[in-house]
Amino acid sequence: MTATGTPTLLGVAAEAALAVPGVAGLQPRLAHCLAAAAAPTRTDTAPHRMPPEAGIRADRAPDGSGWHIEVRCVLAEGHRALDTAQNVHDRVRTAVTSHLATHGVAEPVTVTVAVTVTRIAARPGTA
């Protein structure tokens, strides 16, 4: 897999999104949750954690001119959702565009980002 492949972009996008103040985590898509539930039973007792990349989806544009990134965020209580989502959008777009440029994508690439806030996590100790 090249440095501009989907798995690498998922990690770059996840890292950028998780660095935004107010982002408590990334919400896995239903397909990831179902796949984890259908996986063979684990023999160890450690809880299975979904990788942060499960909350990101990256698709090539049909004409190959760029990427569309979807980010599913869980926000921390006390942060304004609109501002946090806009910050996630900007940081993910910048990080992915920079990553593509750093890894030899010569032609201009369009990167579109859609951010969905799936829930707001309550602060620990509040009911």
Protein backbone atom coordinates (compact mmCIF):
# COMPACT_ATOMS: atom_id res chain seq x y z
CA MET A 1 0.00 0.00 0.00
CA THR A 2 1.38 3.40 -0.92
CA ALA A 3 1.58 6.34 1.45
CA THR A 4 -1.42 7.86 -0.32
CA GLY A 5 -3.58 4.75 0.04
CA THR A 6 -6.84 4.69 1.96
CA PRO A 7 -5.52 3.10 5.20
CA THR A 8 -2.82 5.77 5.55
CA LEU A 9 -5.27 8.60 4.85
CA LEU A 10 -7.63 7.19 7.48
CA GLY A 11 -4.87 7.41 10.08
CA VAL A 12 -3.88 10.94 9.05
CA ALA A 13 -7.51 12.11 9.18
CA ALA A 14 -8.17 10.37 12.51
CA GLU A 15 -5.07 11.88 14.11
CA ALA A 16 -6.03 15.38 12.91
CA ALA A 17 -9.62 15.05 14.13
CA LEU A 18 -8.64 13.71 17.54
CA ALA A 19 -6.23 16.64 18.04
CA VAL A 20 -9.10 19.14 17.93
CA PRO A 21 -10.10 20.46 21.36
CA GLY A 22 -13.60 19.25 22.16
CA VAL A 23 -13.37 15.96 20.25
CA ALA A 24 -13.85 13.13 22.74
CA GLY A 25 -13.46 10.38 20.14
CA LEU A 26 -14.50 9.08 16.77
CA GLN A 27 -17.66 7.01 16.32
CA PRO A 28 -17.22 3.83 14.26
CA ARG A 29 -19.57 3.36 11.34
CA LEU A 30 -22.20 0.64 11.60
CA ALA A 31 -20.27 -1.63 9.23
CA HIS A 32 -17.27 -1.63 11.60
CA CYS A 33 -19.48 -2.38 14.61
CA LEU A 34 -21.19 -5.27 12.83
CA ALA A 35 -17.88 -6.68 11.64
CA ALA A 36 -16.50 -6.55 15.20
CA ALA A 37 -19.62 -8.25 16.54
CA ALA A 38 -19.40 -10.99 13.90
CA ALA A 39 -15.69 -11.65 14.52
CA PRO A 40 -14.78 -14.92 16.24
CA THR A 41 -14.88 -14.80 20.02
CA ARG A 42 -11.66 -13.55 21.53
CA THR A 43 -9.93 -15.84 24.00
CA ASP A 44 -8.29 -13.07 25.99
CA THR A 45 -10.20 -11.01 28.52
CA ALA A 46 -9.01 -7.60 27.34
CA PRO A 47 -11.83 -5.46 25.98
CA HIS A 48 -11.76 -5.07 22.21
CA ARG A 49 -11.20 -1.45 21.22
CA MET A 50 -12.15 -0.12 17.84
CA PRO A 51 -9.28 1.78 16.16
CA PRO A 52 -9.93 5.53 15.71
CA GLU A 53 -9.73 5.04 11.94
CA ALA A 54 -13.09 3.22 12.16
CA GLY A 55 -14.70 6.65 12.57
CA ILE A 56 -13.28 7.86 9.25
CA ARG A 57 -14.25 6.98 5.70
CA ALA A 58 -12.12 7.96 2.71
CA ASP A 59 -13.26 7.52 -0.89
CA ARG A 60 -11.55 8.48 -4.13
CA ALA A 61 -13.53 10.82 -6.34
CA PRO A 62 -15.07 8.88 -9.27
CA ASP A 63 -12.92 10.81 -11.74
CA GLY A 64 -9.77 10.29 -9.63
CA SER A 65 -9.29 14.02 -9.02
CA GLY A 66 -9.32 13.86 -5.24
CA TRP A 67 -10.66 12.40 -2.03
CA HIS A 68 -13.85 12.68 -0.01
CA ILE A 69 -13.32 12.20 3.73
CA GLU A 70 -16.17 11.56 6.18
CA VAL A 71 -15.50 12.07 9.90
CA ARG A 72 -17.90 10.87 12.64
CA CYS A 73 -17.11 12.73 15.88
CA VAL A 74 -18.14 12.34 19.47
CA LEU A 75 -17.82 15.73 21.14
CA ALA A 76 -17.02 16.52 24.74
CA GLU A 77 -19.71 18.31 26.70
CA GLY A 78 -19.13 22.03 27.10
CA HIS A 79 -17.82 22.66 23.59
CA ARG A 80 -19.84 24.40 20.91
CA ALA A 81 -20.68 21.75 18.30
CA LEU A 82 -20.61 24.06 15.28
CA ASP A 83 -17.21 25.54 16.13
CA THR A 84 -15.72 22.15 16.95
CA ALA A 85 -17.06 20.56 13.75
CA GLN A 86 -15.69 23.44 11.65
CA ASN A 87 -12.31 23.07 13.34
CA VAL A 88 -12.34 19.29 12.63
CA HIS A 89 -13.22 20.00 8.99
CA ASP A 90 -10.39 22.49 8.56
CA ARG A 91 -7.74 20.41 10.35
CA VAL A 92 -8.61 17.16 8.57
CA ARG A 93 -8.64 18.85 5.17
CA THR A 94 -5.28 20.53 5.84
CA ALA A 95 -3.71 17.33 7.19
CA VAL A 96 -4.87 15.15 4.29
CA THR A 97 -3.92 17.72 1.66
CA SER A 98 -0.48 18.14 3.25
CA HIS A 99 0.00 14.37 3.49
CA LEU A 100 -0.85 13.92 -0.19
CA ALA A 101 1.50 16.74 -1.22
CA THR A 102 4.31 15.34 0.94
CA HIS A 103 3.99 11.90 -0.62
CA GLY A 104 4.42 12.91 -4.23
CA VAL A 105 0.92 13.60 -5.50
CA ALA A 106 1.98 16.05 -8.20
CA GLU A 107 -1.35 17.20 -9.57
CA PRO A 108 -3.67 19.43 -7.53
CA VAL A 109 -5.97 17.22 -5.50
CA THR A 110 -9.40 18.20 -4.25
CA VAL A 111 -10.11 17.10 -0.69
CA THR A 112 -13.65 17.45 0.57
CA VAL A 113 -14.50 16.75 4.19
CA ALA A 114 -17.88 16.05 5.78
CA VAL A 115 -18.10 16.11 9.58
CA THR A 116 -20.99 14.48 11.45
CA VAL A 117 -21.42 14.96 15.18
CA THR A 118 -22.90 11.66 16.38
CA ARG A 119 -23.29 12.54 20.06
CA ILE A 120 -22.04 14.66 22.91
CA ALA A 121 -20.32 12.75 25.69
CA ALA A 122 -21.13 13.81 29.24
CA ARG A 123 -18.29 14.76 31.51
CA PRO A 124 -17.25 12.03 33.93
CA GLY A 125 -19.08 12.39 37.24
CA THR A 126 -22.12 14.18 35.82
CA ALA A 127 -25.47 12.55 35.43
